[in-house]
Amino acid sequence: MLKCLKIWRAGAILLALILITGPHQLSAAERGPTVFAAASLKDALDAVARDWEAQSGNKPVISYAATSSLARQIEQGAEADVFLSADQAWMDYLAQRDLIDPASRFDLLSNQLVLIAPKGSALTARTIGPDLPLAELLGTGRLAVAGVDAVPAGKYAKASLQSLGLWGGVRDKLAQAENVRAALRLVSRAEAPLGNVYASDAAADPDVTVLGVFPEDSHPPIVYPAAKLRSASFPGTEAFLTYLHSSAARTRFEQHGFSRAPSVEP
């Protein structure tokens, strides 16, 4: 009984020390910025974050999800330092609610929309335009897309299909996913015969093949803005945002299928 009591007391003391001193014992590498980022950025931003950690000693903590979901989490009080959106609309949404530092906002990256199929598909490369028999190519299958009402990739996809006159034939044949990476997985696993995703997503998955690129003038420009949040507490947030502008970071992003935003100087 006495032995058990001593063990209990030792455990209680250890727990108290953890609770009291824990936050102050974090190493510098564990005190990086908290970043909320669009799901399509995952592979590229993970690589950039590793480079930043090696250079600064600070490890970014990154949460990936649909841009719409992240923006709503921030609106509901989720604390983070940086927001990387997959479109201007959701960054505007937070700006209108005074949840970002407007002086810190800048356009970081651009992307393209592509039509993909599972690797090994019998379908061949196509020129994507009004004459594309998309509904026929789908057969009894569905077109994998991110949610077309709120998720940026889905909104771009819908706009492009409408612009090309293809929307009416496929609107009832969609497999809408929570984010663009989930749509990518549907095609990668051959659960959908075709998908509409970003070029960077297709580059990240060896189990899909690109059949064609959607014309850039068929949808609004795909731009990824970045900004510091009002809730930012990490003292090096501005330095992290500056690093995203660097040539080293740009090279990483380009290696993963992204391109420079139109407003960014060479």
Protein backbone atom coordinates (compact mmCIF):
# COMPACT_ATOMS: atom_id res chain seq x y z
CA MET A 1 0.00 0.00 0.00
CA LEU A 2 2.82 2.40 0.97
CA LYS A 3 4.69 1.53 -2.21
CA CYS A 4 1.58 2.28 -4.31
CA LEU A 5 1.12 5.60 -2.52
CA LYS A 6 4.72 6.59 -3.26
CA ILE A 7 4.29 5.69 -6.93
CA TRP A 8 1.06 7.70 -7.08
CA ARG A 9 2.73 10.73 -5.48
CA ALA A 10 5.68 10.53 -7.86
CA GLY A 11 3.32 10.37 -10.81
CA ALA A 12 1.31 13.31 -9.52
CA ILE A 13 4.46 15.40 -9.09
CA LEU A 14 5.66 14.52 -12.59
CA LEU A 15 2.29 15.44 -14.10
CA ALA A 16 2.30 18.76 -12.24
CA LEU A 17 5.77 19.56 -13.56
CA ILE A 18 4.70 18.77 -17.11
CA LEU A 19 1.62 20.97 -16.80
CA ILE A 20 3.54 23.84 -15.26
CA THR A 21 6.73 23.79 -17.30
CA GLY A 22 5.70 22.02 -20.49
CA PRO A 23 5.01 25.06 -22.71
CA HIS A 24 8.29 26.68 -21.58
CA GLN A 25 10.37 23.60 -22.36
CA LEU A 26 9.57 23.47 -26.07
CA SER A 27 12.66 23.61 -28.25
CA ALA A 28 13.03 26.30 -30.89
CA ALA A 29 12.29 23.69 -33.57
CA GLU A 30 8.87 23.12 -32.01
CA ARG A 31 7.85 26.76 -32.03
CA GLY A 32 7.27 27.41 -35.71
CA PRO A 33 4.32 29.17 -37.31
CA THR A 34 0.92 27.52 -37.43
CA VAL A 35 -0.19 27.47 -41.06
CA PHE A 36 -3.66 26.78 -42.46
CA ALA A 37 -3.16 25.76 -46.10
CA ALA A 38 -5.22 24.55 -49.03
CA ALA A 39 -5.07 20.76 -49.44
CA SER A 40 -3.55 21.04 -52.91
CA LEU A 41 -0.43 22.62 -51.42
CA LYS A 42 0.51 19.63 -49.27
CA ASP A 43 3.49 18.06 -51.04
CA ALA A 44 4.99 21.37 -52.15
CA LEU A 45 4.49 23.19 -48.87
CA ASP A 46 5.78 20.23 -46.86
CA ALA A 47 9.02 20.47 -48.85
CA VAL A 48 9.21 24.24 -48.36
CA ALA A 49 8.53 23.81 -44.64
CA ARG A 50 11.41 21.32 -44.31
CA ASP A 51 13.73 23.80 -46.01
CA TRP A 52 12.54 26.58 -43.71
CA GLU A 53 13.07 24.42 -40.64
CA ALA A 54 16.61 23.55 -41.73
CA GLN A 55 17.40 27.22 -42.24
CA SER A 56 15.61 28.79 -39.27
CA GLY A 57 15.36 26.02 -36.69
CA ASN A 58 11.59 26.58 -36.54
CA LYS A 59 9.22 23.79 -37.60
CA PRO A 60 5.96 25.00 -39.15
CA VAL A 61 2.81 23.23 -37.99
CA ILE A 62 0.59 22.90 -41.04
CA SER A 63 -3.09 21.99 -41.23
CA TYR A 64 -4.34 21.03 -44.69
CA ALA A 65 -7.99 21.00 -45.75
CA ALA A 66 -10.36 22.56 -48.26
CA THR A 67 -9.83 26.33 -48.31
CA SER A 68 -13.50 26.86 -47.50
CA SER A 69 -13.26 24.66 -44.41
CA LEU A 70 -10.13 26.41 -43.15
CA ALA A 71 -11.60 29.87 -43.67
CA ARG A 72 -14.67 28.94 -41.66
CA GLN A 73 -12.51 27.48 -38.89
CA ILE A 74 -10.62 30.78 -38.70
CA GLU A 75 -13.90 32.68 -38.64
CA GLN A 76 -15.05 30.51 -35.74
CA GLY A 77 -11.96 31.37 -33.70
CA ALA A 78 -9.30 28.83 -34.71
CA GLU A 79 -5.91 30.41 -34.05
CA ALA A 80 -3.17 30.30 -36.64
CA ASP A 81 -0.40 32.52 -37.96
CA VAL A 82 -0.68 32.14 -41.74
CA PHE A 83 -3.48 31.37 -44.19
CA LEU A 84 -2.71 30.05 -47.68
CA SER A 85 -5.87 30.03 -49.78
CA ALA A 86 -6.51 28.39 -53.14
CA ASP A 87 -8.53 31.35 -54.36
CA GLN A 88 -9.06 35.05 -53.78
CA ALA A 89 -12.69 34.70 -52.70
CA TRP A 90 -12.02 32.96 -49.38
CA MET A 91 -9.15 35.32 -48.57
CA ASP A 92 -11.54 38.19 -49.30
CA TYR A 93 -14.06 36.50 -47.00
CA LEU A 94 -11.62 36.69 -44.09
CA ALA A 95 -10.47 40.18 -45.03
CA GLN A 96 -14.06 41.44 -44.90
CA ARG A 97 -14.24 40.11 -41.33
CA ASP A 98 -10.94 41.77 -40.40
CA LEU A 99 -9.31 38.41 -39.69
CA ILE A 100 -6.16 38.96 -41.77
CA ASP A 101 -3.47 41.63 -41.80
CA PRO A 102 -4.20 43.29 -45.16
CA ALA A 103 -0.68 44.72 -45.46
CA SER A 104 0.76 41.18 -45.40
CA ARG A 105 -1.41 39.80 -48.19
CA PHE A 106 0.21 38.81 -51.48
CA ASP A 107 -0.36 36.45 -54.41
CA LEU A 108 2.00 33.49 -54.13
CA LEU A 109 1.26 30.85 -56.77
CA SER A 110 -0.75 29.91 -59.82
CA ASN A 111 -1.96 26.57 -61.15
CA GLN A 112 -3.80 24.86 -64.00
CA LEU A 113 -6.81 22.59 -64.25
CA VAL A 114 -6.31 19.20 -65.89
CA LEU A 115 -8.41 16.20 -66.82
CA ILE A 116 -7.01 13.00 -65.35
CA ALA A 117 -7.65 9.28 -65.61
CA PRO A 118 -6.29 6.30 -63.65
CA LYS A 119 -2.89 5.12 -64.77
CA GLY A 120 -3.35 2.43 -67.39
CA SER A 121 -6.71 3.79 -68.54
CA ALA A 122 -7.66 3.04 -72.12
CA LEU A 123 -8.53 6.70 -72.60
CA THR A 124 -6.02 8.76 -74.54
CA ALA A 125 -4.93 12.41 -74.53
CA ARG A 126 -7.55 14.89 -75.65
CA THR A 127 -7.79 18.53 -76.60
CA ILE A 128 -10.20 19.99 -74.08
CA GLY A 129 -12.78 22.25 -75.67
CA PRO A 130 -16.50 22.48 -76.48
CA ASP A 131 -16.28 19.36 -78.68
CA LEU A 132 -14.93 17.09 -75.92
CA PRO A 133 -17.41 14.19 -75.49
CA LEU A 134 -16.94 14.23 -71.73
CA ALA A 135 -20.25 12.60 -70.81
CA GLU A 136 -19.57 9.83 -73.32
CA LEU A 137 -16.07 9.26 -71.98
CA LEU A 138 -17.48 8.88 -68.47
CA GLY A 139 -19.90 6.17 -69.54
CA THR A 140 -21.61 4.94 -66.39
CA GLY A 141 -18.85 6.41 -64.22
CA ARG A 142 -18.57 9.78 -62.53
CA LEU A 143 -16.30 12.79 -62.83
CA ALA A 144 -14.33 13.31 -59.60
CA VAL A 145 -14.23 16.96 -58.53
CA ALA A 146 -13.91 18.93 -55.33
CA GLY A 147 -17.18 20.35 -54.05
CA VAL A 148 -18.38 22.71 -56.77
CA ASP A 149 -20.25 25.13 -54.51
CA ALA A 150 -17.54 26.09 -52.02
CA VAL A 151 -14.16 24.43 -52.62
CA PRO A 152 -11.95 26.52 -54.97
CA ALA A 153 -10.89 23.61 -57.20
CA GLY A 154 -14.53 22.59 -57.59
CA LYS A 155 -15.62 26.15 -58.32
CA TYR A 156 -12.93 26.48 -60.98
CA ALA A 157 -13.96 23.13 -62.46
CA LYS A 158 -17.62 24.11 -62.64
CA ALA A 159 -16.78 27.47 -64.21
CA SER A 160 -14.63 25.78 -66.85
CA LEU A 161 -17.22 23.15 -67.71
CA GLN A 162 -19.91 25.81 -67.97
CA SER A 163 -17.72 28.01 -70.15
CA LEU A 164 -17.04 25.11 -72.52
CA GLY A 165 -20.69 24.07 -72.66
CA LEU A 166 -19.96 20.71 -71.02
CA TRP A 167 -21.67 21.28 -67.67
CA GLY A 168 -25.15 20.17 -68.70
CA GLY A 169 -23.92 16.75 -69.77
CA VAL A 170 -22.04 15.97 -66.58
CA ARG A 171 -23.71 17.88 -63.73
CA ASP A 172 -25.59 14.74 -62.73
CA LYS A 173 -22.50 12.57 -63.12
CA LEU A 174 -20.23 14.17 -60.53
CA ALA A 175 -18.45 12.55 -57.60
CA GLN A 176 -17.96 15.59 -55.36
CA ALA A 177 -15.21 15.26 -52.76
CA GLU A 178 -14.45 17.35 -49.65
CA ASN A 179 -11.26 18.72 -51.21
CA VAL A 180 -9.22 18.37 -54.37
CA ARG A 181 -6.86 15.76 -52.90
CA ALA A 182 -9.85 13.58 -52.06
CA ALA A 183 -11.02 13.94 -55.67
CA LEU A 184 -7.53 12.95 -56.83
CA ARG A 185 -7.67 9.79 -54.70
CA LEU A 186 -10.95 8.73 -56.31
CA VAL A 187 -9.21 8.63 -59.67
CA SER A 188 -5.92 7.26 -58.35
CA ARG A 189 -7.81 4.30 -56.88
CA ALA A 190 -9.80 3.88 -60.11
CA GLU A 191 -13.03 4.59 -58.22
CA ALA A 192 -13.79 7.25 -60.84
CA PRO A 193 -12.79 7.03 -64.52
CA LEU A 194 -12.03 10.76 -64.82
CA GLY A 195 -11.27 13.69 -62.59
CA ASN A 196 -10.85 17.44 -62.79
CA VAL A 197 -8.00 18.55 -60.51
CA TYR A 198 -5.04 20.89 -60.41
CA ALA A 199 -1.93 20.13 -62.44
CA SER A 200 0.07 20.08 -59.20
CA ASP A 201 -2.18 17.33 -57.82
CA ALA A 202 -1.69 15.21 -60.92
CA ALA A 203 2.09 15.70 -60.63
CA ALA A 204 1.96 14.43 -57.04
CA ASP A 205 0.32 11.09 -57.85
CA PRO A 206 2.04 8.50 -60.07
CA ASP A 207 -1.18 6.51 -60.33
CA VAL A 208 -2.96 9.04 -62.54
CA THR A 209 -2.33 10.24 -66.06
CA VAL A 210 -3.14 13.65 -67.53
CA LEU A 211 -5.41 13.55 -70.58
CA GLY A 212 -5.56 17.28 -71.22
CA VAL A 213 -5.38 20.79 -69.83
CA PHE A 214 -8.45 23.00 -69.49
CA PRO A 215 -8.04 26.32 -71.33
CA GLU A 216 -6.98 29.07 -68.96
CA ASP A 217 -9.62 31.41 -70.35
CA SER A 218 -12.38 28.94 -69.46
CA HIS A 219 -12.19 29.73 -65.75
CA PRO A 220 -11.07 32.55 -63.43
CA PRO A 221 -7.31 32.77 -62.88
CA ILE A 222 -6.16 30.18 -60.34
CA VAL A 223 -4.26 32.19 -57.77
CA TYR A 224 -3.09 31.25 -54.27
CA PRO A 225 -2.95 34.30 -51.97
CA ALA A 226 -1.13 34.23 -48.63
CA ALA A 227 -1.56 36.43 -45.56
CA LYS A 228 -0.75 36.78 -41.89
CA LEU A 229 -3.75 36.30 -39.64
CA ARG A 230 -4.81 38.75 -36.95
CA SER A 231 -4.51 35.88 -34.47
CA ALA A 232 -0.82 35.35 -35.33
CA SER A 233 1.37 34.89 -32.26
CA PHE A 234 4.56 33.35 -33.71
CA PRO A 235 7.18 36.14 -33.72
CA GLY A 236 8.72 34.92 -36.97
CA THR A 237 5.51 34.94 -39.01
CA GLU A 238 6.68 37.76 -41.30
CA ALA A 239 9.99 35.98 -41.85
CA PHE A 240 8.15 32.83 -42.88
CA LEU A 241 5.98 34.77 -45.34
CA THR A 242 9.11 36.40 -46.75
CA TYR A 243 10.67 32.98 -47.22
CA LEU A 244 7.67 31.90 -49.28
CA HIS A 245 8.71 34.65 -51.71
CA SER A 246 12.29 33.41 -51.95
CA SER A 247 13.86 31.82 -55.02
CA ALA A 248 14.51 28.63 -53.02
CA ALA A 249 10.83 28.30 -52.11
CA ARG A 250 9.79 29.17 -55.67
CA THR A 251 11.98 26.36 -56.98
CA ARG A 252 10.32 23.90 -54.60
CA PHE A 253 6.85 24.99 -55.64
CA GLU A 254 7.72 24.73 -59.33
CA GLN A 255 9.14 21.24 -58.77
CA HIS A 256 5.67 20.25 -57.56
CA GLY A 257 3.75 21.61 -60.53
CA PHE A 258 2.95 25.17 -59.43
CA SER A 259 3.85 28.33 -61.27
CA ARG A 260 4.48 31.91 -60.22
CA ALA A 261 1.37 34.01 -59.63
CA PRO A 262 0.80 36.51 -62.48
CA SER A 263 1.39 39.45 -60.13
CA VAL A 264 4.72 38.11 -58.83
CA GLU A 265 7.86 39.57 -60.36
CA PRO A 266 10.35 37.12 -61.95
